[in-house]
Protein backbone atom coordinates (compact mmCIF):
# COMPACT_ATOMS: atom_id res chain seq x y z
CA UNK A 1 127.14 142.45 29.31
CA UNK A 2 130.62 142.82 27.77
CA UNK A 3 129.58 146.20 26.32
CA UNK A 4 128.61 147.49 29.75
CA UNK A 5 131.95 146.38 31.25
CA UNK A 6 133.71 148.08 28.33
CA UNK A 7 131.76 151.29 28.98
CA UNK A 8 132.58 151.09 32.69
CA UNK A 9 136.27 150.61 31.88
CA UNK A 10 136.29 153.53 29.49
CA UNK A 11 134.76 155.79 32.15
CA UNK A 12 137.35 154.68 34.69
CA UNK A 13 140.10 155.46 32.18
CA UNK A 14 138.77 158.96 31.61
CA UNK A 15 138.64 159.43 35.38
CA UNK A 16 142.30 158.37 35.59
CA UNK A 17 141.43 155.21 37.52
CA UNK A 18 143.48 152.93 35.30
CA UNK A 19 143.62 149.86 37.55
CA UNK A 20 139.82 149.81 37.70
CA UNK A 21 139.69 150.49 33.96
CA UNK A 22 141.98 147.54 33.34
CA UNK A 23 139.83 145.28 35.53
CA UNK A 24 136.65 146.27 33.69
CA UNK A 25 138.28 145.70 30.29
CA UNK A 26 139.55 142.33 31.51
CA UNK A 27 135.98 141.38 32.47
CA UNK A 28 134.74 142.56 29.07
CA UNK A 29 137.28 140.39 27.24
CA UNK A 30 136.40 137.39 29.39
CA UNK A 31 132.71 137.86 28.60
CA UNK A 32 133.41 138.31 24.88
CA UNK A 33 136.83 137.00 23.83
CA UNK A 34 136.31 138.43 20.31
CA UNK A 35 135.72 142.02 21.50
CA UNK A 36 138.69 143.68 19.77
CA UNK A 37 138.10 147.16 21.19
CA UNK A 38 138.06 145.82 24.76
CA UNK A 39 141.35 144.01 24.15
CA UNK A 40 142.85 147.22 22.74
CA UNK A 41 141.71 149.26 25.73
CA UNK A 42 142.93 146.55 28.10
CA UNK A 43 146.38 146.93 26.52
CA UNK A 44 146.08 150.72 26.77
CA UNK A 45 145.36 150.47 30.49
CA UNK A 46 148.41 148.26 31.00
CA UNK A 47 150.57 150.89 29.29
CA UNK A 48 149.13 153.58 31.53
CA UNK A 49 149.87 151.36 34.53
CA UNK A 50 153.50 151.10 33.41
CA UNK A 51 153.40 147.59 32.01
CA UNK A 52 153.95 148.09 28.28
CA UNK A 53 155.66 144.71 27.94
CA UNK A 54 152.50 142.87 29.02
CA UNK A 55 150.36 145.14 26.83
CA UNK A 56 152.12 144.25 23.58
CA UNK A 57 150.69 140.73 23.02
CA UNK A 58 147.23 141.95 24.01
CA UNK A 59 147.47 144.80 21.51
CA UNK A 60 148.60 142.38 18.78
CA UNK A 61 145.64 140.13 19.60
CA UNK A 62 143.27 143.11 19.32
CA UNK A 63 144.69 143.93 15.89
CA UNK A 64 144.22 140.33 14.74
CA UNK A 65 140.62 140.36 15.94
CA UNK A 66 139.87 143.66 14.22
CA UNK A 67 141.51 142.74 10.91
CA UNK A 68 139.37 141.32 8.13
CA UNK A 69 140.05 137.69 7.25
CA UNK A 70 142.34 137.09 4.29
CA UNK A 71 140.65 136.91 0.92
CA UNK A 72 139.79 133.47 -0.39
CA UNK A 73 141.94 132.91 -3.52
CA UNK A 74 139.11 130.95 -5.13
CA UNK A 75 136.81 133.96 -4.83
CA UNK A 76 139.46 136.29 -6.22
CA UNK A 77 139.92 134.15 -9.32
CA UNK A 78 136.16 134.18 -9.89
CA UNK A 79 136.13 137.96 -9.66
CA UNK A 80 138.53 138.19 -12.57
CA UNK A 81 136.60 135.76 -14.77
CA UNK A 82 133.71 136.69 -17.01
CA UNK A 83 130.26 136.64 -15.39
CA UNK A 84 128.15 133.60 -16.19
CA UNK A 85 125.79 134.01 -19.12
CA UNK A 86 122.10 133.63 -18.39
CA UNK A 87 120.47 130.44 -19.56
CA UNK A 88 118.42 130.72 -22.72
CA UNK A 89 114.73 130.98 -22.00
């Protein structure tokens, strides 16, 4: 359902109907709070509506959602160590 609201919002944006685009992106983010692209487009619509100040935290949130999680230091240290030797058969 969030994908369809996102698609609707994107169409409205292309049509220049930015208020409707914003509303559709808002619905998409409410349906799927982890939908980074919808958050980014929601921020984009706010900029187009002249509200860049309100768009900034939404854009930052979209970036956080889209960024990979930080590497686990324990896994990194294992990567640098020698692979385990197979047990003798």
